[in-house]
């Protein structure tokens, strides 16, 4: 009985053609978000954003303060997480939320506790929150 059931399932599957698409001909993925509107792309950091973030990250790595990072691209935000050790929770998160562009600003730096340290429209201004930490790390290293 089992063999007959398996054959009938396989024969039904064999009748359905499999469509193969070329990589360039695939339509963009559409995700329906809560609220009913559709999003066809994920939020991403652009090259300028990543250059600014990685510039500060590199300085802090050179000082031994930070050791690892992760980048997440979600539908509504892009997140750059900064770690002291890979097995820990992130010390800081730099987030880009285009949905907040016309309100508080699309960029924010969030501490491990969840507190927003700085939020704004320009990433360079938001990343200045790390200037104090950079100066403090330099003072400890030199002195």
N, C-alpha and C. Protein backbone atom coordinates (compact mmCIF):
# COMPACT_ATOMS: atom_id res chain seq x y z
N UNK A 1 0.83 -1.19 0.00
CA UNK A 1 0.00 0.00 0.00
C UNK A 1 0.87 1.25 0.00
N UNK A 2 1.93 1.27 0.81
CA UNK A 2 2.81 2.43 0.86
C UNK A 2 3.49 2.67 -0.49
N UNK A 3 3.95 1.63 -1.13
CA UNK A 3 4.61 1.77 -2.42
C UNK A 3 3.67 2.38 -3.45
N UNK A 4 2.42 1.98 -3.42
CA UNK A 4 1.44 2.54 -4.36
C UNK A 4 1.20 4.01 -4.09
N UNK A 5 1.15 4.39 -2.82
CA UNK A 5 0.96 5.80 -2.45
C UNK A 5 2.16 6.63 -2.88
N UNK A 6 3.36 6.10 -2.65
CA UNK A 6 4.56 6.83 -3.05
C UNK A 6 4.62 7.00 -4.56
N UNK A 7 4.25 5.95 -5.33
CA UNK A 7 4.25 6.06 -6.79
C UNK A 7 3.25 7.10 -7.27
N UNK A 8 2.07 7.13 -6.64
CA UNK A 8 1.06 8.10 -7.07
C UNK A 8 1.50 9.53 -6.77
N UNK A 9 2.20 9.71 -5.65
CA UNK A 9 2.70 11.05 -5.32
C UNK A 9 3.79 11.46 -6.30
N UNK A 10 4.68 10.56 -6.61
CA UNK A 10 5.77 10.87 -7.53
C UNK A 10 5.26 11.10 -8.94
N UNK A 11 4.27 10.33 -9.36
CA UNK A 11 3.76 10.53 -10.71
C UNK A 11 3.06 11.88 -10.83
N UNK A 12 2.40 12.32 -9.77
CA UNK A 12 1.75 13.63 -9.79
C UNK A 12 2.76 14.76 -9.83
N UNK A 13 3.89 14.56 -9.17
CA UNK A 13 4.93 15.57 -9.17
C UNK A 13 5.64 15.63 -10.51
N UNK A 14 5.77 14.50 -11.18
CA UNK A 14 6.49 14.48 -12.45
C UNK A 14 5.71 15.19 -13.55
N UNK A 15 4.41 15.33 -13.39
CA UNK A 15 3.60 15.97 -14.41
C UNK A 15 3.72 17.49 -14.38
N UNK A 16 4.16 18.05 -13.26
CA UNK A 16 4.28 19.50 -13.13
C UNK A 16 5.65 19.92 -13.66
N UNK A 17 5.69 20.77 -14.70
CA UNK A 17 7.00 21.17 -15.23
C UNK A 17 7.72 22.12 -14.26
N UNK A 18 9.03 22.02 -14.26
CA UNK A 18 9.86 22.90 -13.43
C UNK A 18 10.37 24.02 -14.32
N UNK A 19 10.10 25.24 -13.93
CA UNK A 19 10.53 26.39 -14.72
C UNK A 19 11.88 26.88 -14.21
N UNK A 20 12.85 26.93 -15.10
CA UNK A 20 14.17 27.45 -14.76
C UNK A 20 14.30 28.84 -15.35
N UNK A 21 14.76 29.79 -14.54
CA UNK A 21 14.92 31.17 -14.98
C UNK A 21 16.39 31.53 -14.97
N UNK A 22 16.79 32.38 -15.87
CA UNK A 22 18.14 32.92 -15.82
C UNK A 22 18.22 33.90 -14.65
N UNK A 23 19.42 34.06 -14.12
CA UNK A 23 19.58 34.91 -12.93
C UNK A 23 19.09 36.33 -13.18
N UNK A 24 19.35 36.89 -14.36
CA UNK A 24 18.96 38.27 -14.65
C UNK A 24 17.48 38.43 -14.94
N UNK A 25 16.78 37.35 -15.22
CA UNK A 25 15.37 37.47 -15.60
C UNK A 25 14.43 37.30 -14.42
N UNK A 26 14.97 37.08 -13.24
CA UNK A 26 14.13 36.88 -12.07
C UNK A 26 13.54 38.22 -11.62
N UNK A 27 12.23 38.27 -11.36
CA UNK A 27 11.65 39.52 -10.86
C UNK A 27 12.12 39.78 -9.44
N UNK A 28 12.15 41.05 -9.02
CA UNK A 28 12.60 41.36 -7.66
C UNK A 28 11.66 40.73 -6.63
N UNK A 29 12.22 40.37 -5.50
CA UNK A 29 11.44 39.78 -4.43
C UNK A 29 10.54 40.85 -3.84
N UNK A 30 9.28 40.51 -3.67
CA UNK A 30 8.34 41.45 -3.08
C UNK A 30 7.89 40.91 -1.74
N UNK A 31 8.02 41.71 -0.72
CA UNK A 31 7.62 41.32 0.62
C UNK A 31 6.49 42.23 1.06
N UNK A 32 5.42 41.64 1.55
CA UNK A 32 4.32 42.45 2.07
C UNK A 32 4.59 42.68 3.54
N UNK A 33 4.70 43.95 3.90
CA UNK A 33 5.01 44.33 5.28
C UNK A 33 3.73 44.55 6.06
N UNK A 34 3.79 44.54 7.39
CA UNK A 34 2.60 44.86 8.18
C UNK A 34 2.07 46.24 7.79
N UNK A 35 0.78 46.31 7.63
CA UNK A 35 0.18 47.56 7.17
C UNK A 35 -0.27 47.44 5.73
N UNK A 36 0.15 46.38 5.04
CA UNK A 36 -0.35 46.10 3.71
C UNK A 36 0.45 46.63 2.55
N UNK A 37 1.48 47.45 2.76
CA UNK A 37 2.23 47.94 1.61
C UNK A 37 3.38 47.00 1.32
N UNK A 38 3.80 46.97 0.06
CA UNK A 38 4.81 46.02 -0.38
C UNK A 38 6.15 46.71 -0.54
N UNK A 39 7.19 45.96 -0.25
CA UNK A 39 8.55 46.44 -0.41
C UNK A 39 9.29 45.52 -1.37
N UNK A 40 9.94 46.09 -2.37
CA UNK A 40 10.62 45.24 -3.33
C UNK A 40 12.12 45.15 -3.07
N UNK A 41 12.64 45.97 -2.17
CA UNK A 41 14.07 45.92 -1.87
C UNK A 41 14.29 46.02 -0.38
N UNK A 42 15.46 45.58 0.04
CA UNK A 42 15.86 45.71 1.43
C UNK A 42 16.57 47.05 1.60
N UNK A 43 16.57 47.54 2.83
CA UNK A 43 17.31 48.76 3.14
C UNK A 43 18.78 48.41 3.25
N UNK A 44 19.63 49.22 2.66
CA UNK A 44 21.07 48.96 2.65
C UNK A 44 21.84 50.24 2.94
N UNK A 45 23.06 50.06 3.45
CA UNK A 45 23.98 51.18 3.56
C UNK A 45 24.60 51.39 2.18
N UNK A 46 24.77 52.64 1.78
CA UNK A 46 25.47 52.87 0.51
C UNK A 46 26.97 52.94 0.78
N UNK A 47 27.75 53.09 -0.27
CA UNK A 47 29.21 53.06 -0.15
C UNK A 47 29.72 54.17 0.77
N UNK A 48 29.15 55.36 0.67
CA UNK A 48 29.57 56.48 1.51
C UNK A 48 29.31 56.18 2.99
N UNK A 49 28.14 55.62 3.28
CA UNK A 49 27.80 55.25 4.67
C UNK A 49 28.81 54.25 5.22
N UNK A 50 29.08 53.21 4.45
CA UNK A 50 30.01 52.18 4.91
C UNK A 50 31.43 52.71 5.08
N UNK A 51 31.84 53.62 4.20
CA UNK A 51 33.18 54.21 4.35
C UNK A 51 33.29 54.98 5.66
N UNK A 52 32.26 55.74 6.01
CA UNK A 52 32.28 56.49 7.26
C UNK A 52 32.29 55.57 8.47
N UNK A 53 31.41 54.57 8.45
CA UNK A 53 31.31 53.65 9.58
C UNK A 53 32.60 52.84 9.73
N UNK A 54 33.10 52.30 8.63
CA UNK A 54 34.30 51.47 8.70
C UNK A 54 35.55 52.28 9.04
N UNK A 55 35.55 53.58 8.74
CA UNK A 55 36.66 54.44 9.14
C UNK A 55 36.78 54.52 10.65
N UNK A 56 35.66 54.75 11.32
CA UNK A 56 35.66 54.80 12.79
C UNK A 56 35.91 53.42 13.36
N UNK A 57 35.31 52.41 12.76
CA UNK A 57 35.50 51.03 13.23
C UNK A 57 36.98 50.65 13.17
N UNK A 58 37.65 50.99 12.08
CA UNK A 58 39.06 50.66 11.93
C UNK A 58 39.93 51.32 12.98
N UNK A 59 39.62 52.58 13.31
CA UNK A 59 40.39 53.28 14.36
C UNK A 59 40.22 52.61 15.71
N UNK A 60 38.99 52.20 16.02
CA UNK A 60 38.74 51.57 17.31
C UNK A 60 39.32 50.16 17.37
N UNK A 61 39.36 49.47 16.25
CA UNK A 61 40.01 48.15 16.21
C UNK A 61 41.51 48.31 16.44
N UNK A 62 42.10 49.34 15.81
CA UNK A 62 43.54 49.58 15.98
C UNK A 62 43.88 49.89 17.45
N UNK A 63 42.94 50.47 18.18
CA UNK A 63 43.16 50.76 19.59
C UNK A 63 42.83 49.57 20.49
N UNK A 64 42.29 48.51 19.91
CA UNK A 64 41.95 47.31 20.68
C UNK A 64 40.62 47.37 21.39
N UNK A 65 39.79 48.36 21.07
CA UNK A 65 38.50 48.51 21.75
C UNK A 65 37.43 47.60 21.14
N UNK A 66 37.40 47.50 19.84
CA UNK A 66 36.40 46.70 19.13
C UNK A 66 37.11 45.59 18.37
N UNK A 67 36.40 44.46 18.18
CA UNK A 67 37.04 43.34 17.53
C UNK A 67 36.23 42.69 16.42
N UNK A 68 34.95 42.92 16.36
CA UNK A 68 34.13 42.23 15.36
C UNK A 68 32.93 43.09 15.01
N UNK A 69 32.34 42.80 13.86
CA UNK A 69 31.13 43.52 13.45
C UNK A 69 30.23 42.58 12.65
N UNK A 70 28.99 43.00 12.50
CA UNK A 70 28.03 42.27 11.67
C UNK A 70 27.16 43.30 10.97
N UNK A 71 26.74 42.99 9.76
CA UNK A 71 25.85 43.86 9.01
C UNK A 71 24.59 43.08 8.69
N UNK A 72 23.44 43.66 9.00
CA UNK A 72 22.15 43.04 8.71
C UNK A 72 21.35 43.98 7.83
N UNK A 73 20.78 43.44 6.77
CA UNK A 73 19.92 44.21 5.87
C UNK A 73 18.51 43.68 6.01
N UNK A 74 17.66 44.45 6.63
CA UNK A 74 16.27 44.08 6.83
C UNK A 74 15.39 44.90 5.89
N UNK A 75 14.10 44.64 5.89
CA UNK A 75 13.21 45.38 5.00
C UNK A 75 13.11 46.85 5.38
N UNK A 76 13.06 47.14 6.68
CA UNK A 76 12.84 48.53 7.10
C UNK A 76 14.09 49.22 7.63
N UNK A 77 15.19 48.49 7.80
CA UNK A 77 16.41 49.09 8.34
C UNK A 77 17.64 48.29 7.96
N UNK A 78 18.76 48.98 7.99
CA UNK A 78 20.07 48.34 7.84
C UNK A 78 20.80 48.56 9.17
N UNK A 79 21.46 47.52 9.66
CA UNK A 79 22.08 47.58 10.99
C UNK A 79 23.55 47.16 10.89
N UNK A 80 24.44 48.00 11.42
CA UNK A 80 25.86 47.68 11.56
C UNK A 80 26.09 47.49 13.05
N UNK A 81 26.31 46.25 13.48
CA UNK A 81 26.51 45.94 14.90
C UNK A 81 27.99 45.83 15.21
N UNK A 82 28.40 46.42 16.33
CA UNK A 82 29.81 46.47 16.74
C UNK A 82 29.98 45.65 18.01
N UNK A 83 30.97 44.74 17.98
CA UNK A 83 31.20 43.83 19.10
C UNK A 83 32.60 44.00 19.68
N UNK A 84 32.72 43.75 20.96
CA UNK A 84 34.04 43.64 21.58
C UNK A 84 34.54 42.22 21.38
N UNK A 85 33.66 41.23 21.55
CA UNK A 85 33.95 39.83 21.29
C UNK A 85 32.77 39.28 20.49
N UNK A 86 33.04 38.38 19.58
CA UNK A 86 32.00 37.86 18.69
C UNK A 86 30.90 37.12 19.45
N UNK A 87 31.22 36.58 20.62
CA UNK A 87 30.24 35.80 21.36
C UNK A 87 29.32 36.66 22.24
N UNK A 88 29.54 37.96 22.27
CA UNK A 88 28.76 38.84 23.12
C UNK A 88 27.64 39.52 22.34
N UNK A 89 26.85 40.29 23.08
CA UNK A 89 25.86 41.16 22.43
C UNK A 89 26.61 42.37 21.88
N UNK A 90 26.06 43.03 20.86
CA UNK A 90 26.77 44.18 20.31
C UNK A 90 26.88 45.32 21.32
N UNK A 91 28.04 45.99 21.32
CA UNK A 91 28.23 47.17 22.16
C UNK A 91 27.38 48.33 21.63
N UNK A 92 27.41 48.49 20.30
CA UNK A 92 26.68 49.56 19.64
C UNK A 92 26.06 49.04 18.35
N UNK A 93 25.00 49.71 17.94
CA UNK A 93 24.41 49.45 16.64
C UNK A 93 24.24 50.77 15.92
N UNK A 94 24.72 50.83 14.69
CA UNK A 94 24.48 51.98 13.83
C UNK A 94 23.36 51.56 12.88
N UNK A 95 22.24 52.27 12.93
CA UNK A 95 21.08 51.88 12.15
C UNK A 95 20.70 52.95 11.14
N UNK A 96 20.23 52.49 10.00
CA UNK A 96 19.69 53.37 8.97
C UNK A 96 18.24 52.94 8.74
N UNK A 97 17.30 53.85 9.06
CA UNK A 97 15.88 53.59 8.88
C UNK A 97 15.30 54.68 7.98
N UNK A 98 15.17 54.42 6.68
CA UNK A 98 14.64 55.44 5.78
C UNK A 98 13.22 55.88 6.13
N UNK A 99 12.48 55.07 6.85
CA UNK A 99 11.13 55.46 7.25
C UNK A 99 11.11 56.64 8.20
N UNK A 100 12.22 56.91 8.88
CA UNK A 100 12.30 58.04 9.82
C UNK A 100 12.97 59.26 9.20
N UNK A 101 13.21 59.23 7.89
CA UNK A 101 13.92 60.32 7.20
C UNK A 101 13.25 61.68 7.42
N UNK A 102 11.94 61.72 7.35
CA UNK A 102 11.24 63.00 7.47
C UNK A 102 10.87 63.35 8.91
N UNK A 103 11.21 62.50 9.84
CA UNK A 103 10.88 62.76 11.24
C UNK A 103 12.13 63.10 12.04
N UNK A 104 12.72 62.09 12.69
CA UNK A 104 13.84 62.31 13.58
C UNK A 104 15.18 62.17 12.88
N UNK A 105 15.18 61.65 11.69
CA UNK A 105 16.42 61.36 10.97
C UNK A 105 16.57 59.87 10.80
N UNK A 106 17.13 59.48 9.66
CA UNK A 106 17.18 58.05 9.36
C UNK A 106 18.36 57.32 10.00
N UNK A 107 19.35 58.03 10.54
CA UNK A 107 20.52 57.39 11.14
C UNK A 107 20.45 57.48 12.65
N UNK A 108 20.91 56.41 13.32
CA UNK A 108 20.96 56.43 14.78
C UNK A 108 22.07 55.51 15.28
N UNK A 109 22.59 55.83 16.46
CA UNK A 109 23.55 54.98 17.16
C UNK A 109 22.86 54.55 18.44
N UNK A 110 22.82 53.24 18.66
CA UNK A 110 22.10 52.68 19.79
C UNK A 110 23.08 51.87 20.64
N UNK A 111 23.04 52.09 21.95
CA UNK A 111 23.93 51.39 22.89
C UNK A 111 23.41 49.98 23.15
N UNK A 112 24.21 49.18 23.83
CA UNK A 112 23.83 47.80 24.16
C UNK A 112 22.58 47.75 25.03
N UNK A 113 22.36 48.80 25.80
CA UNK A 113 21.19 48.87 26.68
C UNK A 113 19.90 49.19 25.92
N UNK A 114 20.03 49.60 24.67
CA UNK A 114 18.86 49.97 23.88
C UNK A 114 18.61 51.46 23.81
N UNK A 115 19.41 52.23 24.54
CA UNK A 115 19.25 53.69 24.53
C UNK A 115 19.81 54.26 23.23
N UNK A 116 19.08 55.20 22.66
CA UNK A 116 19.54 55.88 21.46
C UNK A 116 20.53 56.96 21.91
N UNK A 117 21.79 56.80 21.51
CA UNK A 117 22.82 57.76 21.90
C UNK A 117 22.76 59.02 21.05
N UNK A 118 22.48 58.85 19.77
CA UNK A 118 22.39 60.00 18.87
C UNK A 118 21.56 59.59 17.66
N UNK A 119 20.77 60.53 17.17
CA UNK A 119 19.94 60.29 16.00
C UNK A 119 19.97 61.54 15.15
N UNK A 120 19.94 61.38 13.83
CA UNK A 120 19.95 62.55 12.97
C UNK A 120 19.81 62.22 11.50
N UNK A 121 19.83 63.30 10.70
CA UNK A 121 19.67 63.18 9.25
C UNK A 121 20.99 62.91 8.54
N UNK A 122 22.11 63.32 9.15
CA UNK A 122 23.43 63.15 8.54
C UNK A 122 24.24 62.13 9.32
N UNK A 123 24.79 61.14 8.64
CA UNK A 123 25.56 60.09 9.31
C UNK A 123 26.83 60.65 9.96
N UNK A 124 27.46 61.63 9.33
CA UNK A 124 28.69 62.19 9.91
C UNK A 124 28.41 62.81 11.28
N UNK A 125 27.27 63.47 11.42
CA UNK A 125 26.91 64.07 12.71
C UNK A 125 26.59 63.00 13.74
N UNK A 126 25.91 61.96 13.32
CA UNK A 126 25.52 60.90 14.24
C UNK A 126 26.75 60.14 14.74
N UNK A 127 27.70 59.91 13.86
CA UNK A 127 28.90 59.15 14.24
C UNK A 127 29.84 59.94 15.15
N UNK A 128 29.60 61.22 15.32
CA UNK A 128 30.43 62.02 16.24
C UNK A 128 30.27 61.59 17.69
N UNK A 129 29.25 60.79 17.97
CA UNK A 129 29.08 60.26 19.32
C UNK A 129 30.28 59.39 19.69
N UNK A 130 30.97 58.83 18.70
CA UNK A 130 32.14 57.99 18.96
C UNK A 130 33.42 58.80 19.15
N UNK A 131 33.40 60.09 18.86
CA UNK A 131 34.60 60.91 19.03
C UNK A 131 35.10 60.89 20.47
N UNK A 132 34.19 61.01 21.42
CA UNK A 132 34.58 60.99 22.84
C UNK A 132 35.19 59.65 23.22
N UNK A 133 34.60 58.58 22.72
CA UNK A 133 35.13 57.25 23.03
C UNK A 133 36.51 57.06 22.40
N UNK A 134 36.71 57.61 21.21
CA UNK A 134 37.99 57.50 20.53
C UNK A 134 39.07 58.29 21.29
N UNK A 135 38.75 59.48 21.72
CA UNK A 135 39.69 60.30 22.48
C UNK A 135 40.01 59.65 23.82
N UNK A 136 39.00 59.09 24.46
CA UNK A 136 39.21 58.42 25.75
C UNK A 136 40.11 57.19 25.57
N UNK A 137 39.89 56.41 24.53
CA UNK A 137 40.72 55.23 24.26
C UNK A 137 42.15 55.61 23.94
N UNK A 138 42.34 56.71 23.20
CA UNK A 138 43.69 57.20 22.91
C UNK A 138 44.40 57.64 24.18
N UNK A 139 43.67 58.33 25.08
CA UNK A 139 44.27 58.80 26.31
C UNK A 139 44.70 57.64 27.19
N UNK A 140 43.89 56.60 27.25
CA UNK A 140 44.22 55.43 28.06
C UNK A 140 45.44 54.72 27.47
N UNK A 141 45.50 54.63 26.17
CA UNK A 141 46.61 53.93 25.51
C UNK A 141 47.91 54.69 25.67
N UNK A 142 47.87 56.01 25.57
CA UNK A 142 49.09 56.82 25.66
C UNK A 142 49.51 57.14 27.09
N UNK A 143 48.56 57.03 27.98
CA UNK A 143 48.94 57.54 29.23
C UNK A 143 48.96 56.78 30.43
